[in-house]
Amino acid sequence: MPKKSREQKRADKTRARAKKRHQRHAQRSAPSLRSLLGGFSLGDVPAAPPGFRPLPMTQAILEFAAPLLAYVDQGTVQDPNDALHIGMQLWNYTLPNAPVSQKPARTAIVDTMETTLQMDRQEADAFFERMIARKAYLFPDEIQPPGSLTLFMRKEVEYLIAPFAESQLHLSDAIVPPDRDDAVLLEALRQLEARIAAGEDYGDWEADFFAMQELCCQRYHHWLLAKGVSETLSQQFAFCLEPYLTFVYQYDAGNVQDVWPDAIAEFFLDWLMRKVMVKLPEYTQWPPALRLFYRFLSEKGYLDDPEPIIASLYTIEPDFIALVQQRS
């Protein structure tokens, strides 16, 4: 039997990874409300009319629900999904072509707002009216593209999108050697990757992945502070790491030492803006946050040479910034 070429072996691995990814998706537990909101590939997006910008359905609903999510920030609502549930009810109430039987009743929505947002009846009624008016203003039905998962939203603010200025990090050149907590993280990471490489089912290592992910974000945050990065940026960069680890391990993109080049492109040009909802300028933090993450892994002794993947993160950044600019 003739030996397979390197390209054939790579193609076989790609097909095997795709099969595993499909199986793991099927094994996962029920998704959160945010993941149920939907999304779309960013490849074919219709041009928005002047004064509007295109958004995937997920982000459109989150933008609409911003006044509700403010109650989470204030502490009135503890679970963001409770606020998003009201947002979904209000959104569905406004859909022009939805059957009457599938539309939530106004009374039921106001009852939920009164209880969840801790309002009296008059306040809940007034807030209901403001949210319905907000939907009509931000997303006029007459300009929405038919049969598309893209929505056109009126621009409330104009964003200036530019690459993150790494000079503001004030990063120290001094090496931060690994300590005992770092050793625990690296051992957990190695064990997890060994189990995945051995073909264990997703359900068998899911809990260990989440434990590793939490510890990794904590140790990365600790390292950033030790390198002289401000607390605010350290928190924001550590936040950027969580969805990246989810993508790499739960979507079978390889492992942090060996992420497939096409997976890096998929993460930045498709997955990230569909799955993680932040203000548009905040997306620019992901490339530098991940570049520093690989320096962190190198200093801790997990990665011998971080430069190839750091170079790939620099390479993808202009295309990613252009994509964010398109969304602004």
C-alpha atoms as a PDB file:
ATOM      1  CA  MET A   1       0.000   0.000   0.000  1.00  0.00           C
ATOM      2  CA  PRO A   2       1.623   3.341  -1.018  1.00  0.00           C
ATOM      3  CA  LYS A   3       2.481   5.837   1.701  1.00  0.00           C
ATOM      4  CA  LYS A   4       0.270   8.867   2.014  1.00  0.00           C
ATOM      5  CA  SER A   5       1.738  12.254   1.305  1.00  0.00           C
ATOM      6  CA  ARG A   6       1.907  14.914   4.000  1.00  0.00           C
ATOM      7  CA  GLU A   7      -1.007  16.736   2.331  1.00  0.00           C
ATOM      8  CA  GLN A   8      -3.130  13.557   2.336  1.00  0.00           C
ATOM      9  CA  LYS A   9      -2.376  12.942   6.002  1.00  0.00           C
ATOM     10  CA  ARG A  10      -3.345  16.527   6.819  1.00  0.00           C
ATOM     11  CA  ALA A  11      -6.599  16.133   4.879  1.00  0.00           C
ATOM     12  CA  ASP A  12      -7.353  12.918   6.792  1.00  0.00           C
ATOM     13  CA  LYS A  13      -6.744  14.702  10.083  1.00  0.00           C
ATOM     14  CA  THR A  14      -8.987  17.568   9.042  1.00  0.00           C
ATOM     15  CA  ARG A  15     -11.839  15.173   8.210  1.00  0.00           C
ATOM     16  CA  ALA A  16     -11.333  13.344  11.504  1.00  0.00           C
ATOM     17  CA  ARG A  17     -11.406  16.626  13.421  1.00  0.00           C
ATOM     18  CA  ALA A  18     -14.610  17.678  11.665  1.00  0.00           C
ATOM     19  CA  LYS A  19     -16.234  14.360  12.576  1.00  0.00           C
ATOM     20  CA  LYS A  20     -15.170  14.715  16.216  1.00  0.00           C
ATOM     21  CA  ARG A  21     -16.447  18.302  16.280  1.00  0.00           C
ATOM     22  CA  HIS A  22     -19.869  17.179  15.060  1.00  0.00           C
ATOM     23  CA  GLN A  23     -19.971  14.420  17.684  1.00  0.00           C
ATOM     24  CA  ARG A  24     -18.959  16.751  20.480  1.00  0.00           C
ATOM     25  CA  HIS A  25     -21.608  19.300  19.515  1.00  0.00           C
ATOM     26  CA  ALA A  26     -24.204  16.550  19.766  1.00  0.00           C
ATOM     27  CA  GLN A  27     -22.944  15.518  23.210  1.00  0.00           C
ATOM     28  CA  ARG A  28     -23.019  18.954  24.803  1.00  0.00           C
ATOM     29  CA  SER A  29     -25.614  19.929  27.358  1.00  0.00           C
ATOM     30  CA  ALA A  30     -28.407  22.388  26.614  1.00  0.00           C
ATOM     31  CA  PRO A  31     -27.073  25.770  25.455  1.00  0.00           C
ATOM     32  CA  SER A  32     -27.581  29.039  27.283  1.00  0.00           C
ATOM     33  CA  LEU A  33     -30.098  31.613  26.136  1.00  0.00           C
ATOM     34  CA  ARG A  34     -27.362  33.616  24.399  1.00  0.00           C
ATOM     35  CA  SER A  35     -26.426  30.663  22.221  1.00  0.00           C
ATOM     36  CA  LEU A  36     -30.074  30.112  21.341  1.00  0.00           C
ATOM     37  CA  LEU A  37     -30.327  33.591  19.845  1.00  0.00           C
ATOM     38  CA  GLY A  38     -28.699  32.423  16.655  1.00  0.00           C
ATOM     39  CA  GLY A  39     -25.980  33.789  14.423  1.00  0.00           C
ATOM     40  CA  PHE A  40     -24.682  33.669  10.903  1.00  0.00           C
ATOM     41  CA  SER A  41     -21.488  33.335   8.964  1.00  0.00           C
ATOM     42  CA  LEU A  42     -19.861  36.659   8.274  1.00  0.00           C
ATOM     43  CA  GLY A  43     -19.015  35.842   4.686  1.00  0.00           C
ATOM     44  CA  ASP A  44     -22.137  37.093   2.872  1.00  0.00           C
ATOM     45  CA  VAL A  45     -23.453  40.234   4.520  1.00  0.00           C
ATOM     46  CA  PRO A  46     -25.753  42.590   2.586  1.00  0.00           C
ATOM     47  CA  ALA A  47     -24.777  46.247   2.425  1.00  0.00           C
ATOM     48  CA  ALA A  48     -26.607  48.387   4.966  1.00  0.00           C
ATOM     49  CA  PRO A  49     -28.422  51.619   3.991  1.00  0.00           C
ATOM     50  CA  PRO A  50     -26.761  54.921   4.991  1.00  0.00           C
ATOM     51  CA  GLY A  51     -26.991  55.504   8.736  1.00  0.00           C
ATOM     52  CA  PHE A  52     -27.359  51.797   9.527  1.00  0.00           C
ATOM     53  CA  ARG A  53     -24.965  48.921  10.174  1.00  0.00           C
ATOM     54  CA  PRO A  54     -25.419  45.183   9.606  1.00  0.00           C
ATOM     55  CA  LEU A  55     -25.541  42.879  12.618  1.00  0.00           C
ATOM     56  CA  PRO A  56     -26.019  39.156  13.128  1.00  0.00           C
ATOM     57  CA  MET A  57     -29.291  38.297  14.834  1.00  0.00           C
ATOM     58  CA  THR A  58     -27.553  37.543  18.139  1.00  0.00           C
ATOM     59  CA  GLN A  59     -25.904  40.916  18.446  1.00  0.00           C
ATOM     60  CA  ALA A  60     -28.988  42.731  17.195  1.00  0.00           C
ATOM     61  CA  ILE A  61     -31.094  41.334  20.033  1.00  0.00           C
ATOM     62  CA  LEU A  62     -28.394  42.090  22.585  1.00  0.00           C
ATOM     63  CA  GLU A  63     -28.135  45.676  21.349  1.00  0.00           C
ATOM     64  CA  PHE A  64     -31.904  46.022  21.578  1.00  0.00           C
ATOM     65  CA  ALA A  65     -31.878  44.541  25.101  1.00  0.00           C
ATOM     66  CA  ALA A  66     -29.193  46.945  26.404  1.00  0.00           C
ATOM     67  CA  PRO A  67     -31.630  48.874  28.692  1.00  0.00           C
ATOM     68  CA  LEU A  68     -32.660  45.540  30.238  1.00  0.00           C
ATOM     69  CA  LEU A  69     -29.079  44.389  30.715  1.00  0.00           C
ATOM     70  CA  ALA A  70     -28.397  47.648  32.555  1.00  0.00           C
ATOM     71  CA  TYR A  71     -30.476  46.208  35.405  1.00  0.00           C
ATOM     72  CA  VAL A  72     -27.900  43.411  35.640  1.00  0.00           C
ATOM     73  CA  ASP A  73     -25.066  45.933  35.930  1.00  0.00           C
ATOM     74  CA  GLN A  74     -27.013  47.764  38.638  1.00  0.00           C
ATOM     75  CA  GLY A  75     -27.532  44.546  40.598  1.00  0.00           C
ATOM     76  CA  THR A  76     -31.344  44.570  40.335  1.00  0.00           C
ATOM     77  CA  VAL A  77     -31.274  41.423  38.183  1.00  0.00           C
ATOM     78  CA  GLN A  78     -28.789  38.742  39.175  1.00  0.00           C
ATOM     79  CA  ASP A  79     -28.965  36.469  36.132  1.00  0.00           C
ATOM     80  CA  PRO A  80     -28.368  38.111  32.709  1.00  0.00           C
ATOM     81  CA  ASN A  81     -30.506  35.400  31.111  1.00  0.00           C
ATOM     82  CA  ASP A  82     -33.543  36.733  33.007  1.00  0.00           C
ATOM     83  CA  ALA A  83     -33.054  40.140  31.386  1.00  0.00           C
ATOM     84  CA  LEU A  84     -32.411  38.551  27.988  1.00  0.00           C
ATOM     85  CA  HIS A  85     -35.579  36.477  28.331  1.00  0.00           C
ATOM     86  CA  ILE A  86     -37.614  39.679  28.659  1.00  0.00           C
ATOM     87  CA  GLY A  87     -35.744  41.080  25.671  1.00  0.00           C
ATOM     88  CA  MET A  88     -36.650  38.036  23.610  1.00  0.00           C
ATOM     89  CA  GLN A  89     -40.301  38.319  24.635  1.00  0.00           C
ATOM     90  CA  LEU A  90     -40.386  41.984  23.633  1.00  0.00           C
ATOM     91  CA  TRP A  91     -38.629  41.237  20.355  1.00  0.00           C
ATOM     92  CA  ASN A  92     -41.055  38.454  19.468  1.00  0.00           C
ATOM     93  CA  TYR A  93     -43.997  40.698  20.382  1.00  0.00           C
ATOM     94  CA  THR A  94     -42.960  43.121  17.618  1.00  0.00           C
ATOM     95  CA  LEU A  95     -42.495  40.558  14.828  1.00  0.00           C
ATOM     96  CA  PRO A  96     -44.952  41.555  12.080  1.00  0.00           C
ATOM     97  CA  ASN A  97     -45.488  38.127  10.520  1.00  0.00           C
ATOM     98  CA  ALA A  98     -45.501  35.905  13.592  1.00  0.00           C
ATOM     99  CA  PRO A  99     -48.759  33.980  14.180  1.00  0.00           C
ATOM    100  CA  VAL A 100     -50.859  35.453  16.972  1.00  0.00           C
ATOM    101  CA  SER A 101     -50.712  32.128  18.820  1.00  0.00           C
ATOM    102  CA  GLN A 102     -46.899  32.384  18.988  1.00  0.00           C
ATOM    103  CA  LYS A 103     -46.722  35.980  20.154  1.00  0.00           C
ATOM    104  CA  PRO A 104     -46.355  36.536  23.900  1.00  0.00           C
ATOM    105  CA  ALA A 105     -49.204  38.497  25.449  1.00  0.00           C
ATOM    106  CA  ARG A 106     -48.507  42.060  26.481  1.00  0.00           C
ATOM    107  CA  THR A 107     -49.938  41.394  29.932  1.00  0.00           C
ATOM    108  CA  ALA A 108     -47.598  38.450  30.467  1.00  0.00           C
ATOM    109  CA  ILE A 109     -44.553  40.474  29.406  1.00  0.00           C
ATOM    110  CA  VAL A 110     -45.450  43.391  31.686  1.00  0.00           C
ATOM    111  CA  ASP A 111     -46.030  40.940  34.560  1.00  0.00           C
ATOM    112  CA  THR A 112     -42.539  39.534  34.050  1.00  0.00           C
ATOM    113  CA  MET A 113     -40.992  42.998  33.832  1.00  0.00           C
ATOM    114  CA  GLU A 114     -42.773  44.072  37.008  1.00  0.00           C
ATOM    115  CA  THR A 115     -41.427  41.069  38.935  1.00  0.00           C
ATOM    116  CA  THR A 116     -37.943  40.735  37.446  1.00  0.00           C
ATOM    117  CA  LEU A 117     -37.077  44.428  37.223  1.00  0.00           C
ATOM    118  CA  GLN A 118     -38.735  45.244  40.581  1.00  0.00           C
ATOM    119  CA  MET A 119     -41.087  47.874  39.141  1.00  0.00           C
ATOM    120  CA  ASP A 120     -44.609  48.885  39.971  1.00  0.00           C
ATOM    121  CA  ARG A 121     -47.272  48.334  37.315  1.00  0.00           C
ATOM    122  CA  GLN A 122     -47.191  51.869  35.953  1.00  0.00           C
ATOM    123  CA  GLU A 123     -43.401  51.792  35.580  1.00  0.00           C
ATOM    124  CA  ALA A 124     -43.509  48.393  33.872  1.00  0.00           C
ATOM    125  CA  ASP A 125     -46.170  49.581  31.404  1.00  0.00           C
ATOM    126  CA  ALA A 126     -44.137  52.680  30.548  1.00  0.00           C
ATOM    127  CA  PHE A 127     -40.937  50.664  30.149  1.00  0.00           C
ATOM    128  CA  PHE A 128     -42.744  48.227  27.865  1.00  0.00           C
ATOM    129  CA  GLU A 129     -43.784  51.109  25.585  1.00  0.00           C
ATOM    130  CA  ARG A 130     -40.248  52.529  25.521  1.00  0.00           C
ATOM    131  CA  MET A 131     -38.808  49.156  24.521  1.00  0.00           C
ATOM    132  CA  ILE A 132     -41.333  48.688  21.717  1.00  0.00           C
ATOM    133  CA  ALA A 133     -40.503  52.184  20.438  1.00  0.00           C
ATOM    134  CA  ARG A 134     -36.783  51.371  20.716  1.00  0.00           C
ATOM    135  CA  LYS A 135     -37.205  48.302  18.517  1.00  0.00           C
ATOM    136  CA  ALA A 136     -39.058  50.298  15.843  1.00  0.00           C
ATOM    137  CA  TYR A 137     -36.415  53.043  15.897  1.00  0.00           C
ATOM    138  CA  LEU A 138     -33.320  50.827  15.835  1.00  0.00           C
ATOM    139  CA  PHE A 139     -34.639  48.148  13.466  1.00  0.00           C
ATOM    140  CA  PRO A 140     -37.296  49.582  11.127  1.00  0.00           C
ATOM    141  CA  ASP A 141     -39.172  46.699   9.502  1.00  0.00           C
ATOM    142  CA  GLU A 142     -39.280  48.370   6.090  1.00  0.00           C
ATOM    143  CA  ILE A 143     -35.487  48.333   5.578  1.00  0.00           C
ATOM    144  CA  GLN A 144     -34.684  44.837   6.835  1.00  0.00           C
ATOM    145  CA  PRO A 145     -33.314  42.433   4.180  1.00  0.00           C
ATOM    146  CA  PRO A 146     -35.891  39.720   3.475  1.00  0.00           C
ATOM    147  CA  GLY A 147     -35.010  36.122   4.276  1.00  0.00           C
ATOM    148  CA  SER A 148     -31.701  37.042   5.929  1.00  0.00           C
ATOM    149  CA  LEU A 149     -30.230  36.462   9.376  1.00  0.00           C
ATOM    150  CA  THR A 150     -28.607  39.877   9.033  1.00  0.00           C
ATOM    151  CA  LEU A 151     -30.436  42.865  10.498  1.00  0.00           C
ATOM    152  CA  PHE A 152     -29.809  46.548   9.854  1.00  0.00           C
ATOM    153  CA  MET A 153     -29.507  48.629  13.010  1.00  0.00           C
ATOM    154  CA  ARG A 154     -29.594  52.411  13.146  1.00  0.00           C
ATOM    155  CA  LYS A 155     -26.221  53.822  14.211  1.00  0.00           C
ATOM    156  CA  GLU A 156     -26.609  55.432  17.613  1.00  0.00           C
ATOM    157  CA  VAL A 157     -22.877  56.112  17.941  1.00  0.00           C
ATOM    158  CA  GLU A 158     -19.936  56.165  15.557  1.00  0.00           C
ATOM    159  CA  TYR A 159     -16.927  54.063  16.539  1.00  0.00           C
ATOM    160  CA  LEU A 160     -13.358  54.699  15.500  1.00  0.00           C
ATOM    161  CA  ILE A 161     -11.920  51.197  15.129  1.00  0.00           C
ATOM    162  CA  ALA A 162      -8.132  50.904  15.124  1.00  0.00           C
ATOM    163  CA  PRO A 163      -5.666  48.211  16.205  1.00  0.00           C
ATOM    164  CA  PHE A 164      -5.077  48.081  19.943  1.00  0.00           C
ATOM    165  CA  ALA A 165      -2.131  50.273  20.946  1.00  0.00           C
ATOM    166  CA  GLU A 166       0.151  47.857  22.774  1.00  0.00           C
ATOM    167  CA  SER A 167       2.296  50.741  24.038  1.00  0.00           C
ATOM    168  CA  GLN A 168      -0.344  51.375  26.712  1.00  0.00           C
ATOM    169  CA  LEU A 169       0.418  47.994  28.321  1.00  0.00           C
ATOM    170  CA  HIS A 170       3.787  49.073  29.792  1.00  0.00           C
ATOM    171  CA  LEU A 171       4.852  45.439  29.777  1.00  0.00           C
ATOM    172  CA  SER A 172       7.965  44.542  31.753  1.00  0.00           C
ATOM    173  CA  ASP A 173      10.714  42.535  30.023  1.00  0.00           C
ATOM    174  CA  ALA A 174      11.517  40.691  33.257  1.00  0.00           C
ATOM    175  CA  ILE A 175      10.670  36.978  33.217  1.00  0.00           C
ATOM    176  CA  VAL A 176       8.001  35.870  35.682  1.00  0.00           C
ATOM    177  CA  PRO A 177       9.049  32.294  36.534  1.00  0.00           C
ATOM    178  CA  PRO A 178       6.438  29.600  37.175  1.00  0.00           C
ATOM    179  CA  ASP A 179       5.278  29.017  40.728  1.00  0.00           C
ATOM    180  CA  ARG A 180       3.377  26.167  42.345  1.00  0.00           C
ATOM    181  CA  ASP A 181      -0.011  27.355  41.075  1.00  0.00           C
ATOM    182  CA  ASP A 182       1.372  27.584  37.545  1.00  0.00           C
ATOM    183  CA  ALA A 183       2.647  24.002  37.848  1.00  0.00           C
ATOM    184  CA  VAL A 184      -0.868  22.869  38.764  1.00  0.00           C
ATOM    185  CA  LEU A 185      -2.230  24.602  35.660  1.00  0.00           C
ATOM    186  CA  LEU A 186       0.375  23.115  33.315  1.00  0.00           C
ATOM    187  CA  GLU A 187      -0.214  19.611  34.641  1.00  0.00           C
ATOM    188  CA  ALA A 188      -3.988  20.020  34.210  1.00  0.00           C
ATOM    189  CA  LEU A 189      -3.452  21.288  30.662  1.00  0.00           C
ATOM    190  CA  ARG A 190      -1.122  18.419  29.743  1.00  0.00           C
ATOM    191  CA  GLN A 191      -3.487  15.816  31.166  1.00  0.00           C
ATOM    192  CA  LEU A 192      -6.453  17.307  29.343  1.00  0.00           C
ATOM    193  CA  GLU A 193      -4.631  17.340  26.007  1.00  0.00           C
ATOM    194  CA  ALA A 194      -3.448  13.768  26.526  1.00  0.00           C
ATOM    195  CA  ARG A 195      -7.021  12.593  27.146  1.00  0.00           C
ATOM    196  CA  ILE A 196      -8.291  14.412  24.061  1.00  0.00           C
ATOM    197  CA  ALA A 197      -5.457  12.974  21.955  1.00  0.00           C
ATOM    198  CA  ALA A 198      -6.357   9.499  23.242  1.00  0.00           C
ATOM    199  CA  GLY A 199      -9.882   9.929  21.868  1.00  0.00           C
ATOM    200  CA  GLU A 200     -11.835  10.186  25.111  1.00  0.00           C
ATOM    201  CA  ASP A 201     -15.443  11.310  24.721  1.00  0.00           C
ATOM    202  CA  TYR A 202     -16.202  14.973  25.325  1.00  0.00           C
ATOM    203  CA  GLY A 203     -18.485  14.185  28.244  1.00  0.00           C
ATOM    204  CA  ASP A 204     -15.625  12.439  30.053  1.00  0.00           C
ATOM    205  CA  TRP A 205     -13.355  15.504  30.106  1.00  0.00           C
ATOM    206  CA  GLU A 206     -15.853  18.372  29.970  1.00  0.00           C
ATOM    207  CA  ALA A 207     -15.722  19.146  33.712  1.00  0.00           C
ATOM    208  CA  ASP A 208     -11.922  19.006  33.744  1.00  0.00           C
ATOM    209  CA  PHE A 209     -11.806  21.378  30.782  1.00  0.00           C
ATOM    210  CA  PHE A 210     -13.894  23.994  32.589  1.00  0.00           C
ATOM    211  CA  ALA A 211     -11.696  23.676  35.697  1.00  0.00           C
ATOM    212  CA  MET A 212      -8.558  24.093  33.582  1.00  0.00           C
ATOM    213  CA  GLN A 213     -10.092  27.041  31.719  1.00  0.00           C
ATOM    214  CA  GLU A 214     -10.919  28.890  34.938  1.00  0.00           C
ATOM    215  CA  LEU A 215      -7.464  28.264  36.392  1.00  0.00           C
ATOM    216  CA  CYS A 216      -5.769  29.302  33.154  1.00  0.00           C
ATOM    217  CA  CYS A 217      -7.596  32.628  33.095  1.00  0.00           C
ATOM    218  CA  GLN A 218      -6.681  33.209  36.735  1.00  0.00           C
ATOM    219  CA  ARG A 219      -2.993  32.468  36.232  1.00  0.00           C
ATOM    220  CA  TYR A 220      -2.864  34.564  33.044  1.00  0.00           C
ATOM    221  CA  HIS A 221      -4.445  37.476  34.928  1.00  0.00           C
ATOM    222  CA  HIS A 222      -1.897  37.036  37.721  1.00  0.00           C
ATOM    223  CA  TRP A 223       0.976  37.018  35.192  1.00  0.00           C
ATOM    224  CA  LEU A 224      -0.261  40.161  33.462  1.00  0.00           C
ATOM    225  CA  LEU A 225      -0.325  42.025  36.768  1.00  0.00           C
ATOM    226  CA  ALA A 226       3.183  40.786  37.568  1.00  0.00           C
ATOM    227  CA  LYS A 227       4.339  42.087  34.170  1.00  0.00           C
ATOM    228  CA  GLY A 228       3.077  45.571  35.016  1.00  0.00           C
ATOM    229  CA  VAL A 229      -0.215  45.580  33.068  1.00  0.00           C
ATOM    230  CA  SER A 230      -2.987  47.584  34.745  1.00  0.00           C
ATOM    231  CA  GLU A 231      -5.731  45.799  36.639  1.00  0.00           C
ATOM    232  CA  THR A 232      -8.365  46.933  34.142  1.00  0.00           C
ATOM    233  CA  LEU A 233      -6.508  45.651  31.083  1.00  0.00           C
ATOM    234  CA  SER A 234      -5.424  42.498  32.923  1.00  0.00           C
ATOM    235  CA  GLN A 235      -9.069  41.665  33.588  1.00  0.00           C
ATOM    236  CA  GLN A 236     -10.085  42.451  30.013  1.00  0.00           C
ATOM    237  CA  PHE A 237      -7.282  40.370  28.499  1.00  0.00           C
ATOM    238  CA  ALA A 238      -8.050  37.443  30.813  1.00  0.00           C
ATOM    239  CA  PHE A 239     -11.671  37.681  29.665  1.00  0.00           C
ATOM    240  CA  CYS A 240     -10.459  37.391  26.056  1.00  0.00           C
ATOM    241  CA  LEU A 241      -8.770  34.095  26.888  1.00  0.00           C
ATOM    242  CA  GLU A 242     -11.905  32.239  28.019  1.00  0.00           C
ATOM    243  CA  PRO A 243     -13.706  32.081  24.642  1.00  0.00           C
ATOM    244  CA  TYR A 244     -10.432  31.292  22.874  1.00  0.00           C
ATOM    245  CA  LEU A 245      -9.913  28.206  25.040  1.00  0.00           C
ATOM    246  CA  THR A 246     -13.534  27.235  24.420  1.00  0.00           C
ATOM    247  CA  PHE A 247     -12.983  27.476  20.673  1.00  0.00           C
ATOM    248  CA  VAL A 248      -9.707  25.547  20.684  1.00  0.00           C
ATOM    249  CA  TYR A 249     -10.802  22.618  22.819  1.00  0.00           C
ATOM    250  CA  GLN A 250     -14.562  22.382  22.430  1.00  0.00           C
ATOM    251  CA  TYR A 251     -14.526  23.036  18.699  1.00  0.00           C
ATOM    252  CA  ASP A 252     -11.550  20.759  18.036  1.00  0.00           C
ATOM    253  CA  ALA A 253      -9.185  23.368  16.634  1.00  0.00           C
ATOM    254  CA  GLY A 254      -6.113  21.512  17.875  1.00  0.00           C
ATOM    255  CA  ASN A 255      -4.536  22.545  21.176  1.00  0.00           C
ATOM    256  CA  VAL A 256      -2.937  25.740  22.420  1.00  0.00           C
ATOM    257  CA  GLN A 257       0.491  24.521  21.323  1.00  0.00           C
ATOM    258  CA  ASP A 258      -0.645  23.593  17.826  1.00  0.00           C
ATOM    259  CA  VAL A 259      -3.692  25.514  16.619  1.00  0.00           C
ATOM    260  CA  TRP A 260      -4.464  24.902  12.960  1.00  0.00           C
ATOM    261  CA  PRO A 261      -3.811  28.050  10.848  1.00  0.00           C
ATOM    262  CA  ASP A 262      -7.257  27.846   9.279  1.00  0.00           C
ATOM    263  CA  ALA A 263      -8.711  27.579  12.792  1.00  0.00           C
ATOM    264  CA  ILE A 264      -7.112  30.913  13.753  1.00  0.00           C
ATOM    265  CA  ALA A 265      -8.815  32.489  10.740  1.00  0.00           C
ATOM    266  CA  GLU A 266     -12.132  30.862  11.634  1.00  0.00           C
ATOM    267  CA  PHE A 267     -11.899  32.109  15.221  1.00  0.00           C
ATOM    268  CA  PHE A 268     -11.290  35.739  14.252  1.00  0.00           C
ATOM    269  CA  LEU A 269     -13.243  36.050  11.009  1.00  0.00           C
ATOM    270  CA  ASP A 270     -16.335  34.047  11.932  1.00  0.00           C
ATOM    271  CA  TRP A 271     -16.642  32.523  15.397  1.00  0.00           C
ATOM    272  CA  LEU A 272     -15.662  35.346  17.751  1.00  0.00           C
ATOM    273  CA  MET A 273     -18.154  37.995  16.659  1.00  0.00           C
ATOM    274  CA  ARG A 274     -20.967  35.455  16.508  1.00  0.00           C
ATOM    275  CA  LYS A 275     -20.350  33.955  19.930  1.00  0.00           C
ATOM    276  CA  VAL A 276     -19.023  36.818  22.070  1.00  0.00           C
ATOM    277  CA  MET A 277     -20.918  40.080  22.335  1.00  0.00           C
ATOM    278  CA  VAL A 278     -18.957  43.141  23.467  1.00  0.00           C
ATOM    279  CA  LYS A 279     -18.804  46.746  22.327  1.00  0.00           C
ATOM    280  CA  LEU A 280     -17.186  46.922  18.908  1.00  0.00           C
ATOM    281  CA  PRO A 281     -13.932  48.670  19.964  1.00  0.00           C
ATOM    282  CA  GLU A 282     -13.364  45.935  22.570  1.00  0.00           C
ATOM    283  CA  TYR A 283     -12.926  43.269  19.894  1.00  0.00           C
ATOM    284  CA  THR A 284      -9.567  44.849  19.036  1.00  0.00           C
ATOM    285  CA  GLN A 285      -8.187  43.539  22.347  1.00  0.00           C
ATOM    286  CA  TRP A 286      -8.295  39.903  21.231  1.00  0.00           C
ATOM    287  CA  PRO A 287      -5.170  39.794  19.010  1.00  0.00           C
ATOM    288  CA  PRO A 288      -2.831  41.398  21.592  1.00  0.00           C
ATOM    289  CA  ALA A 289      -4.450  39.437  24.433  1.00  0.00           C
ATOM    290  CA  LEU A 290      -3.759  36.139  22.692  1.00  0.00           C
ATOM    291  CA  ARG A 291      -0.240  37.153  21.681  1.00  0.00           C
ATOM    292  CA  LEU A 292       0.540  37.859  25.334  1.00  0.00           C
ATOM    293  CA  PHE A 293      -1.096  34.578  26.327  1.00  0.00           C
ATOM    294  CA  TYR A 294       1.460  32.723  24.232  1.00  0.00           C
ATOM    295  CA  ARG A 295       4.273  34.686  25.875  1.00  0.00           C
ATOM    296  CA  PHE A 296       2.761  33.654  29.199  1.00  0.00           C
ATOM    297  CA  LEU A 297       2.850  29.982  28.164  1.00  0.00           C
ATOM    298  CA  SER A 298       6.450  30.385  27.059  1.00  0.00           C
ATOM    299  CA  GLU A 299       7.588  31.978  30.311  1.00  0.00           C
ATOM    300  CA  LYS A 300       5.839  29.262  32.293  1.00  0.00           C
ATOM    301  CA  GLY A 301       7.685  26.540  30.379  1.00  0.00           C
ATOM    302  CA  TYR A 302       4.740  25.107  28.477  1.00  0.00           C
ATOM    303  CA  LEU A 303       5.744  26.377  25.047  1.00  0.00           C
ATOM    304  CA  ASP A 304       9.306  26.341  23.714  1.00  0.00           C
ATOM    305  CA  ASP A 305       8.828  28.753  20.815  1.00  0.00           C
ATOM    306  CA  PRO A 306       5.779  31.026  20.820  1.00  0.00           C
ATOM    307  CA  GLU A 307       6.920  33.067  17.809  1.00  0.00           C
ATOM    308  CA  PRO A 308       5.201  31.095  14.989  1.00  0.00           C
ATOM    309  CA  ILE A 309       1.723  31.395  16.483  1.00  0.00           C
ATOM    310  CA  ILE A 310       2.381  34.987  17.597  1.00  0.00           C
ATOM    311  CA  ALA A 311       3.310  35.733  13.987  1.00  0.00           C
ATOM    312  CA  SER A 312       0.040  34.178  12.791  1.00  0.00           C
ATOM    313  CA  LEU A 313      -1.859  36.406  15.234  1.00  0.00           C
ATOM    314  CA  TYR A 314      -0.141  39.457  13.796  1.00  0.00           C
ATOM    315  CA  THR A 315      -0.966  38.232  10.279  1.00  0.00           C
ATOM    316  CA  ILE A 316      -4.693  37.830  10.925  1.00  0.00           C
ATOM    317  CA  GLU A 317      -5.062  41.137  12.807  1.00  0.00           C
ATOM    318  CA  PRO A 318      -5.498  43.491   9.793  1.00  0.00           C
ATOM    319  CA  ASP A 319      -8.280  41.327   8.319  1.00  0.00           C
ATOM    320  CA  PHE A 320      -9.950  41.128  11.722  1.00  0.00           C
ATOM    321  CA  ILE A 321      -9.762  44.890  12.267  1.00  0.00           C
ATOM    322  CA  ALA A 322     -11.248  45.407   8.797  1.00  0.00           C
ATOM    323  CA  LEU A 323     -14.114  43.086   9.744  1.00  0.00           C
ATOM    324  CA  VAL A 324     -14.793  45.011  12.956  1.00  0.00           C
ATOM    325  CA  GLN A 325     -14.698  48.260  10.999  1.00  0.00           C
ATOM    326  CA  GLN A 326     -17.262  46.817   8.607  1.00  0.00           C
ATOM    327  CA  ARG A 327     -19.545  46.165  11.602  1.00  0.00           C
ATOM    328  CA  SER A 328     -19.119  49.678  13.034  1.00  0.00           C
END
